[in-house]
Each structure stands twice: as structure tokens, then as C-alpha cells.
N, C-alpha and C. Protein backbone atom coordinates (compact mmCIF):
# COMPACT_ATOMS: atom_id res chain seq x y z
N VAL A 1 110.26 90.80 10.38
CA VAL A 1 111.78 90.10 10.39
C VAL A 1 112.26 89.62 9.31
N ARG A 2 111.16 89.10 8.33
CA ARG A 2 111.11 87.93 7.44
C ARG A 2 112.45 88.87 6.18
N MET A 3 111.71 90.33 5.94
CA MET A 3 112.13 91.36 5.42
C MET A 3 113.55 91.31 5.58
N THR A 4 113.60 92.11 6.38
CA THR A 4 114.94 92.43 6.94
C THR A 4 115.80 91.10 6.95
N SER A 5 115.77 90.13 7.23
CA SER A 5 116.50 88.84 6.88
C SER A 5 117.12 88.54 5.64
N LEU A 6 115.75 89.11 4.37
CA LEU A 6 116.28 89.36 3.25
C LEU A 6 117.43 90.11 2.83
N GLY A 7 117.24 91.39 3.49
CA GLY A 7 118.35 92.37 3.50
C GLY A 7 117.31 93.11 2.83
N LEU A 8 115.77 93.23 3.31
CA LEU A 8 115.17 94.28 2.31
C LEU A 8 114.67 95.12 3.51
N GLY A 9 114.37 96.42 3.23
CA GLY A 9 113.56 97.37 4.18
C GLY A 9 112.57 97.16 3.89
N CYS A 10 111.52 98.10 4.54
CA CYS A 10 109.94 98.29 4.19
C CYS A 10 109.42 99.31 4.98
N CYS A 11 108.35 99.40 4.40
CA CYS A 11 107.73 100.91 5.33
C CYS A 11 106.29 100.05 5.94
N LEU A 12 106.44 100.45 7.48
CA LEU A 12 105.11 100.38 8.40
C LEU A 12 104.69 101.68 8.29
N ALA A 13 103.14 101.11 7.36
CA ALA A 13 102.25 102.24 7.48
C ALA A 13 100.57 102.05 7.94
N ASP A 14 100.60 101.51 9.23
CA ASP A 14 99.39 101.16 9.84
C ASP A 14 98.58 102.31 10.51
N ASP A 15 97.35 101.65 10.62
CA ASP A 15 96.49 103.16 10.82
C ASP A 15 97.19 103.34 12.44
N MET A 16 96.43 104.79 13.26
CA MET A 16 97.30 105.31 14.01
C MET A 16 96.49 104.29 15.35
N GLY A 17 96.83 103.58 16.32
CA GLY A 17 96.88 103.15 17.03
C GLY A 17 96.85 101.41 16.38
N LEU A 18 97.82 101.28 15.85
CA LEU A 18 97.96 100.08 16.15
C LEU A 18 99.03 99.53 16.15
N GLY A 19 100.12 99.91 16.92
CA GLY A 19 101.54 99.64 17.41
C GLY A 19 102.63 100.05 16.64
N LYS A 20 102.40 100.97 15.70
CA LYS A 20 103.78 101.06 14.89
C LYS A 20 105.18 101.13 15.18
N THR A 21 104.51 102.26 16.99
CA THR A 21 106.46 102.23 17.73
C THR A 21 106.80 101.23 17.87
N ILE A 22 105.95 100.54 19.12
CA ILE A 22 106.63 99.35 19.53
C ILE A 22 107.15 98.25 18.82
N THR A 23 106.00 97.89 17.42
CA THR A 23 106.83 97.11 16.52
C THR A 23 108.01 97.35 15.87
N LEU A 24 108.32 99.01 15.85
CA LEU A 24 109.85 99.51 15.04
C LEU A 24 110.84 99.01 16.12
N ILE A 25 110.57 99.69 17.34
CA ILE A 25 111.62 99.29 18.57
C ILE A 25 111.88 98.18 18.20
N ALA A 26 110.77 97.04 18.54
CA ALA A 26 110.87 95.59 18.83
C ALA A 26 111.70 94.89 18.03
N LEU A 27 111.42 95.53 16.52
CA LEU A 27 112.49 95.17 15.08
C LEU A 27 114.27 95.45 15.23
N HIS A 28 114.07 96.57 15.64
CA HIS A 28 114.99 96.78 15.75
C HIS A 28 116.06 96.58 16.96
N LEU A 29 115.80 96.40 17.89
CA LEU A 29 115.82 95.77 18.92
C LEU A 29 116.74 93.96 18.85
N HIS A 30 115.66 93.96 17.36
CA HIS A 30 115.77 92.08 17.24
C HIS A 30 117.38 92.27 16.14
N ARG A 31 117.23 92.90 15.54
CA ARG A 31 118.17 93.42 14.50
C ARG A 31 119.46 93.31 14.75
N GLN A 32 119.76 94.40 15.96
CA GLN A 32 120.93 94.12 16.99
C GLN A 32 121.35 93.13 17.21
N THR A 33 120.56 92.14 17.12
CA THR A 33 121.16 90.50 17.99
C THR A 33 121.55 89.90 16.81
N ASP A 34 121.91 90.71 15.51
CA ASP A 34 122.14 89.40 14.25
C ASP A 34 123.45 90.48 13.66
N GLY A 35 124.24 90.28 13.70
CA GLY A 35 125.24 91.13 13.62
C GLY A 35 125.33 91.19 12.05
N ASP A 36 124.78 89.98 11.12
CA ASP A 36 124.75 91.28 9.33
C ASP A 36 123.31 91.70 9.66
N ALA A 37 122.45 91.81 10.29
CA ALA A 37 121.65 92.75 9.97
C ALA A 37 121.39 94.39 10.90
N ALA A 38 122.69 94.27 11.92
CA ALA A 38 122.44 94.83 12.90
C ALA A 38 122.50 96.47 12.04
N GLY A 39 122.62 97.66 12.43
CA GLY A 39 122.42 98.80 11.88
C GLY A 39 121.70 100.21 12.74
N PRO A 40 121.46 100.93 12.05
CA PRO A 40 120.93 102.43 12.41
C PRO A 40 119.23 101.75 11.58
N THR A 41 118.31 102.64 12.45
CA THR A 41 117.17 102.91 11.73
C THR A 41 116.55 103.63 11.74
N LEU A 42 116.01 104.23 10.23
CA LEU A 42 115.53 105.25 9.89
C LEU A 42 113.82 105.55 10.28
N VAL A 43 113.07 106.57 10.91
CA VAL A 43 112.16 106.86 11.46
C VAL A 43 111.97 108.05 10.70
N VAL A 44 110.78 108.06 9.68
CA VAL A 44 109.98 109.27 9.23
C VAL A 44 108.99 109.71 9.76
N CYS A 45 108.53 110.97 10.26
CA CYS A 45 107.16 110.95 10.59
C CYS A 45 107.16 112.22 10.59
N PRO A 46 105.85 112.80 11.39
CA PRO A 46 105.41 114.33 11.63
C PRO A 46 106.75 114.84 12.36
N THR A 47 106.63 115.74 12.26
CA THR A 47 107.29 117.01 13.45
C THR A 47 106.51 116.72 14.35
N SER A 48 105.33 116.85 14.79
CA SER A 48 104.75 117.26 15.29
C SER A 48 105.18 115.88 16.56
N LEU A 49 105.47 114.32 15.69
CA LEU A 49 105.26 113.30 16.49
C LEU A 49 106.72 112.73 16.84
N MET A 50 108.15 114.40 16.72
CA MET A 50 109.03 113.76 16.78
C MET A 50 109.40 112.86 18.51
N GLY A 51 109.10 114.22 19.12
CA GLY A 51 109.32 113.73 20.56
C GLY A 51 108.73 112.84 21.09
N ASN A 52 107.59 112.33 20.66
CA ASN A 52 106.27 111.41 21.06
C ASN A 52 107.61 110.07 21.31
N TRP A 53 108.17 109.66 19.90
CA TRP A 53 108.99 108.82 19.16
C TRP A 53 109.73 108.79 19.82
N GLN A 54 110.60 109.72 20.28
CA GLN A 54 111.90 109.78 20.94
C GLN A 54 111.69 108.86 22.38
N ARG A 55 110.64 109.72 22.97
CA ARG A 55 110.08 109.17 24.73
C ARG A 55 109.75 108.04 24.71
N GLU A 56 109.07 107.26 23.22
CA GLU A 56 109.10 106.01 23.43
C GLU A 56 109.79 104.88 23.08
N ILE A 57 111.02 105.54 22.56
CA ILE A 57 112.28 104.62 22.26
C ILE A 57 112.92 104.57 24.06
N GLU A 58 113.35 105.87 24.61
CA GLU A 58 113.64 106.15 25.88
C GLU A 58 112.72 104.83 26.74
N ARG A 59 111.74 105.01 26.82
CA ARG A 59 110.97 104.09 27.47
C ARG A 59 110.98 102.38 27.26
N PHE A 60 110.82 102.07 26.38
CA PHE A 60 110.99 100.78 25.48
C PHE A 60 112.26 100.26 25.51
N ALA A 61 113.34 101.13 25.01
CA ALA A 61 114.91 100.28 24.72
C ALA A 61 115.70 101.71 25.31
N PRO A 62 115.62 101.43 26.59
CA PRO A 62 116.63 102.24 27.34
C PRO A 62 117.79 102.03 26.63
N GLY A 63 118.30 103.08 26.81
CA GLY A 63 120.14 103.31 26.12
C GLY A 63 120.14 103.10 24.86
N THR A 64 119.26 103.10 24.06
CA THR A 64 119.71 103.00 22.66
C THR A 64 119.82 104.30 21.83
N PRO A 65 120.72 104.95 21.62
CA PRO A 65 121.05 106.33 21.23
C PRO A 65 119.78 106.38 19.92
N VAL A 66 119.47 107.97 20.35
CA VAL A 66 118.77 108.71 19.57
C VAL A 66 118.83 109.86 19.00
N ARG A 67 118.67 110.26 17.59
CA ARG A 67 119.37 111.11 17.01
C ARG A 67 118.14 111.64 16.08
N ARG A 68 118.17 113.29 16.23
CA ARG A 68 117.04 113.92 15.53
C ARG A 68 117.67 114.56 14.33
N PHE A 69 117.59 113.95 13.58
CA PHE A 69 117.93 114.40 11.71
C PHE A 69 116.83 115.91 11.36
N HIS A 70 117.04 116.61 11.66
CA HIS A 70 116.10 117.65 11.42
C HIS A 70 116.72 119.36 11.90
N GLY A 71 116.26 120.28 11.17
CA GLY A 71 116.87 121.67 11.44
C GLY A 71 118.20 122.18 10.76
N PRO A 72 118.41 123.06 10.89
CA PRO A 72 119.80 123.37 10.26
C PRO A 72 121.07 122.53 10.69
N ARG A 73 121.38 122.19 12.04
CA ARG A 73 122.51 121.48 12.29
C ARG A 73 122.37 119.94 12.28
N ARG A 74 121.72 119.39 11.36
CA ARG A 74 121.27 118.27 10.96
C ARG A 74 122.86 117.29 10.55
N GLY A 75 122.73 116.53 10.95
CA GLY A 75 124.07 115.59 10.42
C GLY A 75 123.89 113.87 10.88
N LEU A 76 124.47 113.10 10.20
CA LEU A 76 124.89 111.57 10.06
C LEU A 76 125.95 111.50 10.57
N ASP A 77 127.20 112.32 10.70
CA ASP A 77 128.47 112.30 11.10
C ASP A 77 128.81 111.14 12.51
N ASP A 78 129.60 109.91 12.38
CA ASP A 78 129.20 109.00 13.76
C ASP A 78 128.39 108.44 13.90
N LEU A 79 127.45 107.94 12.71
CA LEU A 79 125.95 107.41 13.00
C LEU A 79 126.59 105.66 13.67
N ALA A 80 125.87 105.27 14.82
CA ALA A 80 125.98 104.21 15.32
C ALA A 80 125.02 102.98 14.98
N ASP A 81 125.60 101.70 14.92
CA ASP A 81 124.88 100.72 14.49
C ASP A 81 123.60 100.33 15.08
N GLY A 82 123.51 100.76 16.16
CA GLY A 82 122.18 100.72 17.70
C GLY A 82 121.71 102.02 16.88
N GLU A 83 121.80 103.02 16.41
CA GLU A 83 121.31 104.17 16.40
C GLU A 83 119.76 104.53 15.73
N PHE A 84 119.02 105.01 16.52
CA PHE A 84 117.98 105.21 15.90
C PHE A 84 117.96 106.87 15.25
N VAL A 85 117.69 107.11 13.82
CA VAL A 85 117.46 108.57 13.57
C VAL A 85 115.90 109.14 12.97
N LEU A 86 115.57 110.13 13.78
CA LEU A 86 113.87 110.56 13.64
C LEU A 86 114.15 111.51 12.41
N THR A 87 113.09 111.62 11.79
CA THR A 87 113.44 112.99 10.58
C THR A 87 111.99 113.31 10.35
N THR A 88 111.34 114.07 9.14
CA THR A 88 110.20 114.32 9.50
C THR A 88 110.33 114.35 7.22
N TYR A 89 109.11 114.44 7.39
CA TYR A 89 109.08 113.70 5.20
C TYR A 89 109.68 115.11 4.61
N GLY A 90 109.45 116.20 4.99
CA GLY A 90 110.21 117.34 4.83
C GLY A 90 111.80 117.34 4.39
N THR A 91 112.38 117.27 5.35
CA THR A 91 113.25 116.78 5.70
C THR A 91 114.18 115.52 4.84
N MET A 92 113.59 114.38 4.82
CA MET A 92 113.65 113.25 4.26
C MET A 92 113.79 114.07 2.29
N ARG A 93 112.57 114.45 2.01
CA ARG A 93 112.68 114.85 0.84
C ARG A 93 113.99 115.85 0.61
N LEU A 94 114.49 117.08 1.35
CA LEU A 94 115.49 117.93 1.09
C LEU A 94 116.97 117.02 1.08
N ASP A 95 117.08 115.71 2.09
CA ASP A 95 118.11 115.08 1.55
C ASP A 95 118.24 114.10 1.55
N ALA A 96 117.22 113.28 0.74
CA ALA A 96 117.22 112.21 0.22
C ALA A 96 118.36 111.39 -0.42
N GLY A 97 119.64 112.80 -0.85
CA GLY A 97 120.98 111.97 -1.40
C GLY A 97 121.82 111.19 -0.17
N ARG A 98 121.61 112.41 1.16
CA ARG A 98 122.34 111.79 2.06
C ARG A 98 121.84 110.67 3.05
N LEU A 99 120.10 110.51 2.90
CA LEU A 99 119.93 109.47 3.89
C LEU A 99 119.69 108.17 3.08
N SER A 100 120.01 108.19 1.85
CA SER A 100 119.76 106.78 0.95
C SER A 100 121.22 106.40 1.01
N ALA A 101 122.30 107.11 1.08
CA ALA A 101 123.65 106.54 1.30
C ALA A 101 123.89 105.96 2.52
N VAL A 102 123.04 105.76 3.85
CA VAL A 102 123.23 104.85 4.62
C VAL A 102 122.57 103.81 4.33
N PRO A 103 123.46 102.81 5.00
CA PRO A 103 122.59 101.42 4.80
C PRO A 103 121.54 100.94 5.94
N TRP A 104 120.26 101.43 6.20
CA TRP A 104 119.36 101.54 6.65
C TRP A 104 119.12 99.75 6.89
């Protein structure tokens, strides 16, 4: 929360099982209560975990939009402030320019 209050992003890279998913969902929901900090949240994960991230977001933050930025028809048009965007490491490398243009 402190980093985002300073306008900075961060990389949450804890070991497996330490609660990265719920920590990020809670931070995202907290940011949405602050008009200056509200915005979309980018999650970069292995392809095999995209479904898990989507299910956990739907479970702990019902109604929060989730977009998969992956595959041939990926796009960032009409990106909402409160939206989660899920992508993979490979897609992030391929579309670094498009992703870096978004104020995450």
C-alpha cells in the first residue's frame, strides 16, 4: 500500500503458498477506494495459472472485471480502472510496448 501511495508499482514475487494472490486482490480493491490510485492491475503469471488467478479474483472480488491479455485476439481497448489484466511472461515480452503505455 505504501508503494502505491507514492505512485510506485512493485513486483510481488514471494514463494509459492505465501498468499500472493489474495494479497494482490486486496491491494487492488484498496486502490479502487482511492480515486488517485485507482486503475487497472496487471498480473503476469505462467499460462498454467491464468485460470486459477481468474477463479480467485471472481471468488474474492466478485464483480471485478478480469481480462486475459493472451492469444491472437488480445487487446487493451476500453480498459476499465478497476479491471484485472492477466497475461503471461511470453506475452509480456512480445507486447512490452503496449503494456508499458498503460498506467498500471
